[in-house]
Amino acid sequence: MTDFIKTPQGRRIAYHKTEGKGPCVVFLGGLKSDMQGTKAVHLEAWCQAQGRGFLRFDYSGHGESSEAFEDGCIGDWHEDSIFAVNNLVDGPYVLVGSSMGGWQALLLARAQPERLAGLVTIAAAPDFTEDGYWANFNDTQKAELETVGHVALPSDYMEPYIITKRMIEDGRRRLVLRDPLVLRCAVRFLQGTKDTAVSTATAVRLLEHAQGDDMRLSLIKGADHRFSDAVCLGLIEEAVAEVLGC
């Protein structure tokens, strides 16, 4: 059964929490994804089998949570993430971030380094509003962003993304690849070589930029952005077990 918690901003956040031993594993989903996705549900079952705490939730404007997607931005979802872990997780946590959730995981790691016990990202997409969207907008799209307030971008996986001026401008205040990014826990980055949404160059850039003593990037030949087949799910399990020290 889905539970709900309300943020100080008045947003109603849907979540599923499994009680168990720590550190709690927290799954952070991608842009326009939700907590019912294959990776989130699979990892929940894996944690339950181990008697480990697990949390999955929907950012505002996603899944069962309140608000419209078009009204949200990276900063709103960062606020949702901080509120969720502060109110639903006791003690240290391990973050597992998929795509945009990888960016959210890095923002959380920067905000609460003392609580981070491990980090796994799956096709992490840090700074994508700037380096992916804005950098590739043509003059017409940039003008449309100013005059209309948004542009519609096609997606390989669902209906078009509505990218707002607010999302672009807020994203610039949340960039993680411009300033030092120190990760003092075990870190595993997973990336498919056939991912058409996040390039292997992005994964390598993140690896080279981040600072830490126990950090690895695994490139999985032939895996796409979904990273949800049986082999990929097994690799996620292995990565989480490694950072947990299982």
Protein backbone atom coordinates (compact mmCIF):
# COMPACT_ATOMS: atom_id res chain seq x y z
CA MET A 1 0.00 0.00 0.00
CA THR A 2 1.25 3.45 -0.88
CA ASP A 3 1.85 5.90 1.97
CA PHE A 4 2.08 9.68 1.69
CA ILE A 5 3.98 12.45 3.40
CA LYS A 6 3.60 16.20 2.90
CA THR A 7 6.63 18.45 2.40
CA PRO A 8 6.97 21.93 3.92
CA GLN A 9 6.22 23.27 0.42
CA GLY A 10 2.84 21.51 0.51
CA ARG A 11 3.71 18.76 -1.96
CA ARG A 12 2.25 15.31 -1.25
CA ILE A 13 4.92 12.65 -1.77
CA ALA A 14 3.97 9.01 -2.34
CA TYR A 15 6.32 6.33 -1.00
CA HIS A 16 6.83 2.68 -0.10
CA LYS A 17 9.05 1.95 2.88
CA THR A 18 10.39 -1.44 3.96
CA GLU A 19 11.66 -1.60 7.52
CA GLY A 20 14.83 -3.53 8.13
CA LYS A 21 18.48 -3.36 9.02
CA GLY A 22 20.58 -0.49 7.79
CA PRO A 23 22.03 1.21 6.00
CA CYS A 24 18.70 1.78 4.28
CA VAL A 25 18.78 1.55 0.48
CA VAL A 26 17.04 4.53 -1.16
CA PHE A 27 16.04 4.39 -4.82
CA LEU A 28 15.91 7.65 -6.78
CA GLY A 29 14.10 7.38 -10.10
CA GLY A 30 14.58 9.13 -13.40
CA LEU A 31 12.84 12.03 -15.11
CA LYS A 32 9.14 11.21 -15.61
CA SER A 33 9.73 7.76 -14.16
CA ASP A 34 8.05 6.51 -11.00
CA MET A 35 8.58 4.18 -8.07
CA GLN A 36 6.70 1.34 -9.79
CA GLY A 37 9.50 0.86 -12.31
CA THR A 38 11.25 -2.48 -12.80
CA LYS A 39 14.53 -1.47 -11.14
CA ALA A 40 12.87 0.05 -8.06
CA VAL A 41 10.53 -2.88 -7.46
CA HIS A 42 13.26 -5.47 -8.11
CA LEU A 43 15.66 -3.79 -5.70
CA GLU A 44 12.92 -3.59 -3.10
CA ALA A 45 12.36 -7.35 -3.31
CA TRP A 46 16.12 -7.93 -3.07
CA CYS A 47 16.35 -5.82 0.07
CA GLN A 48 13.31 -7.50 1.61
CA ALA A 49 14.91 -10.91 1.07
CA GLN A 50 17.91 -9.67 3.06
CA GLY A 51 15.85 -8.04 5.79
CA ARG A 52 17.26 -4.66 4.78
CA GLY A 53 15.53 -1.30 4.92
CA PHE A 54 14.44 0.13 1.58
CA LEU A 55 12.71 3.29 0.41
CA ARG A 56 11.27 4.19 -2.99
CA PHE A 57 9.19 7.30 -3.63
CA ASP A 58 7.79 9.54 -6.34
CA TYR A 59 9.06 13.07 -6.73
CA SER A 60 6.33 15.70 -7.01
CA GLY A 61 4.86 15.69 -10.50
CA HIS A 62 5.73 12.00 -10.86
CA GLY A 63 3.73 8.82 -10.28
CA GLU A 64 1.29 9.03 -7.38
CA SER A 65 2.67 12.24 -5.88
CA SER A 66 0.93 15.59 -6.19
CA GLU A 67 1.64 18.47 -8.58
CA ALA A 68 2.12 18.57 -12.35
CA PHE A 69 5.39 17.48 -13.93
CA GLU A 70 5.59 20.70 -15.96
CA ASP A 71 5.59 22.78 -12.77
CA GLY A 72 8.59 21.00 -11.27
CA CYS A 73 12.35 21.37 -11.56
CA ILE A 74 15.58 19.80 -10.31
CA GLY A 75 15.51 21.88 -7.14
CA ASP A 76 11.95 20.87 -6.26
CA TRP A 77 12.83 17.21 -6.63
CA HIS A 78 15.97 17.74 -4.58
CA GLU A 79 13.80 19.22 -1.82
CA ASP A 80 11.50 16.20 -2.08
CA SER A 81 14.47 13.83 -1.81
CA ILE A 82 15.96 15.56 1.24
CA PHE A 83 12.59 15.64 2.96
CA ALA A 84 12.00 11.94 2.22
CA VAL A 85 15.32 10.73 3.64
CA ASN A 86 15.16 13.10 6.61
CA ASN A 87 11.69 11.96 7.62
CA LEU A 88 11.57 8.34 6.49
CA VAL A 89 15.13 7.05 6.98
CA ASP A 90 17.02 6.75 10.26
CA GLY A 91 20.80 6.81 10.17
CA PRO A 92 23.01 6.24 7.13
CA TYR A 93 21.70 5.33 3.72
CA VAL A 94 22.87 3.93 0.40
CA LEU A 95 21.60 5.83 -2.64
CA VAL A 96 20.75 4.13 -5.93
CA GLY A 97 20.03 6.78 -8.56
CA SER A 98 18.80 6.08 -12.09
CA SER A 99 19.31 8.67 -14.86
CA MET A 100 18.07 11.99 -13.41
CA GLY A 101 18.00 10.13 -10.10
CA GLY A 102 21.77 9.88 -10.45
CA TRP A 103 21.94 13.68 -10.42
CA GLN A 104 19.58 13.73 -7.44
CA ALA A 105 21.80 11.19 -5.66
CA LEU A 106 24.86 13.37 -6.22
CA LEU A 107 23.00 16.42 -4.90
CA LEU A 108 22.02 14.44 -1.79
CA ALA A 109 25.58 13.19 -1.41
CA ARG A 110 26.80 16.79 -1.50
CA ALA A 111 24.12 17.96 0.94
CA GLN A 112 24.46 15.12 3.47
CA PRO A 113 27.91 13.52 3.10
CA GLU A 114 27.87 12.37 6.71
CA ARG A 115 24.87 10.09 6.06
CA LEU A 116 26.02 8.58 2.79
CA ALA A 117 27.12 4.95 3.27
CA GLY A 118 27.36 4.06 -0.41
CA LEU A 119 26.35 5.23 -3.88
CA VAL A 120 25.27 3.40 -7.03
CA THR A 121 24.19 5.21 -10.18
CA ILE A 122 22.59 3.74 -13.29
CA ALA A 123 23.06 5.84 -16.43
CA ALA A 124 23.55 8.90 -14.25
CA ALA A 125 22.60 12.17 -15.95
CA PRO A 126 24.17 14.96 -13.90
CA ASP A 127 23.75 18.51 -15.24
CA PHE A 128 21.64 17.29 -18.17
CA THR A 129 19.45 20.41 -18.26
CA GLU A 130 22.54 22.45 -19.12
CA ASP A 131 24.83 20.04 -20.97
CA GLY A 132 22.08 18.03 -22.67
CA TYR A 133 19.10 20.30 -23.22
CA TRP A 134 20.38 23.88 -23.26
CA ALA A 135 23.63 23.06 -25.05
CA ASN A 136 21.69 21.43 -27.88
CA PHE A 137 18.80 23.86 -28.21
CA ASN A 138 18.81 25.71 -31.49
CA ASP A 139 18.05 29.42 -31.73
CA THR A 140 14.37 28.76 -32.39
CA GLN A 141 14.04 26.60 -29.28
CA LYS A 142 15.88 29.13 -27.12
CA ALA A 143 13.57 31.85 -28.38
CA GLU A 144 10.55 29.62 -27.71
CA LEU A 145 11.77 29.06 -24.18
CA GLU A 146 11.75 32.84 -23.66
CA THR A 147 8.46 33.62 -25.38
CA VAL A 148 6.34 30.54 -24.60
CA GLY A 149 8.15 29.42 -21.45
CA HIS A 150 8.79 25.86 -22.56
CA VAL A 151 9.80 23.55 -25.40
CA ALA A 152 8.60 20.02 -26.16
CA LEU A 153 11.32 17.42 -26.72
CA PRO A 154 10.70 13.95 -28.17
CA SER A 155 11.51 10.93 -26.05
CA ASP A 156 12.55 7.43 -27.08
CA TYR A 157 10.59 5.98 -24.18
CA MET A 158 7.33 7.94 -23.68
CA GLU A 159 5.43 11.08 -24.68
CA PRO A 160 7.44 14.27 -25.31
CA TYR A 161 9.15 15.99 -22.41
CA ILE A 162 7.94 19.51 -21.69
CA ILE A 163 11.08 21.39 -20.70
CA THR A 164 10.35 24.72 -19.03
CA LYS A 165 12.41 27.84 -18.68
CA ARG A 166 12.21 27.35 -14.92
CA MET A 167 13.73 23.86 -15.20
CA ILE A 168 16.66 25.19 -17.24
CA GLU A 169 17.32 28.15 -14.96
CA ASP A 170 16.95 26.12 -11.77
CA GLY A 171 19.20 23.40 -13.16
CA ARG A 172 22.02 25.94 -13.46
CA ARG A 173 21.89 26.39 -9.70
CA ARG A 174 22.19 22.63 -9.11
CA LEU A 175 25.15 21.69 -11.32
CA VAL A 176 27.55 19.13 -9.84
CA LEU A 177 30.22 18.80 -12.53
CA ARG A 178 31.60 22.35 -12.25
CA ASP A 179 32.74 22.34 -8.62
CA PRO A 180 34.60 19.72 -6.59
CA LEU A 181 32.52 16.60 -5.96
CA VAL A 182 33.96 14.55 -3.12
CA LEU A 183 32.46 11.10 -2.49
CA ARG A 184 34.02 9.48 0.56
CA CYS A 185 32.04 6.23 0.39
CA ALA A 186 32.17 3.29 -2.01
CA VAL A 187 30.78 4.36 -5.40
CA ARG A 188 29.72 2.27 -8.41
CA PHE A 189 28.67 3.88 -11.69
CA LEU A 190 26.81 1.62 -14.17
CA GLN A 191 26.38 2.61 -17.83
CA GLY A 192 25.09 0.81 -20.92
CA THR A 193 26.95 1.28 -24.20
CA LYS A 194 23.72 1.39 -26.24
CA ASP A 195 22.13 4.07 -24.08
CA THR A 196 20.69 6.74 -26.42
CA ALA A 197 19.67 9.07 -23.57
CA VAL A 198 22.96 9.24 -21.62
CA SER A 199 26.30 8.80 -23.38
CA THR A 200 29.27 6.81 -22.17
CA ALA A 201 31.18 10.11 -22.40
CA THR A 202 28.93 11.48 -19.65
CA ALA A 203 29.71 8.46 -17.46
CA VAL A 204 33.45 8.87 -18.02
CA ARG A 205 33.23 12.60 -17.32
CA LEU A 206 31.51 11.90 -14.00
CA LEU A 207 34.11 9.29 -13.05
CA GLU A 208 36.97 11.64 -13.88
CA HIS A 209 35.39 14.62 -12.11
CA ALA A 210 34.34 12.97 -8.85
CA GLN A 211 36.91 12.46 -6.11
CA GLY A 212 36.99 9.32 -4.00
CA ASP A 213 39.14 6.35 -3.00
CA ASP A 214 36.70 3.57 -3.93
CA MET A 215 35.07 4.47 -7.22
CA ARG A 216 34.43 2.31 -10.31
CA LEU A 217 32.66 2.70 -13.62
CA SER A 218 31.26 -0.40 -15.33
CA LEU A 219 30.35 -0.15 -19.02
CA ILE A 220 27.88 -2.86 -19.99
CA LYS A 221 28.10 -3.69 -23.69
CA GLY A 222 24.72 -3.62 -25.41
CA ALA A 223 22.69 -2.33 -22.44
CA ASP A 224 20.28 0.53 -23.15
CA HIS A 225 18.92 3.30 -20.96
CA ARG A 226 16.28 1.12 -19.34
CA PHE A 227 18.97 -1.14 -17.84
CA SER A 228 16.21 -3.49 -16.71
CA ASP A 229 16.80 -6.91 -18.20
CA ALA A 230 17.81 -9.85 -16.02
CA VAL A 231 21.54 -9.31 -16.53
CA CYS A 232 21.36 -5.60 -15.72
CA LEU A 233 19.22 -6.18 -12.64
CA GLY A 234 21.79 -8.67 -11.44
CA LEU A 235 24.56 -6.10 -11.95
CA ILE A 236 22.60 -3.57 -9.90
CA GLU A 237 22.31 -6.12 -7.09
CA GLU A 238 26.05 -6.77 -7.23
CA ALA A 239 26.88 -3.08 -7.15
CA VAL A 240 24.62 -2.42 -4.16
CA ALA A 241 26.06 -5.44 -2.34
CA GLU A 242 29.58 -4.14 -2.97
CA VAL A 243 28.95 -0.68 -1.56
CA LEU A 244 27.16 -2.24 1.41
CA GLY A 245 30.13 -4.53 1.99
CA CYS A 246 27.94 -7.65 1.79
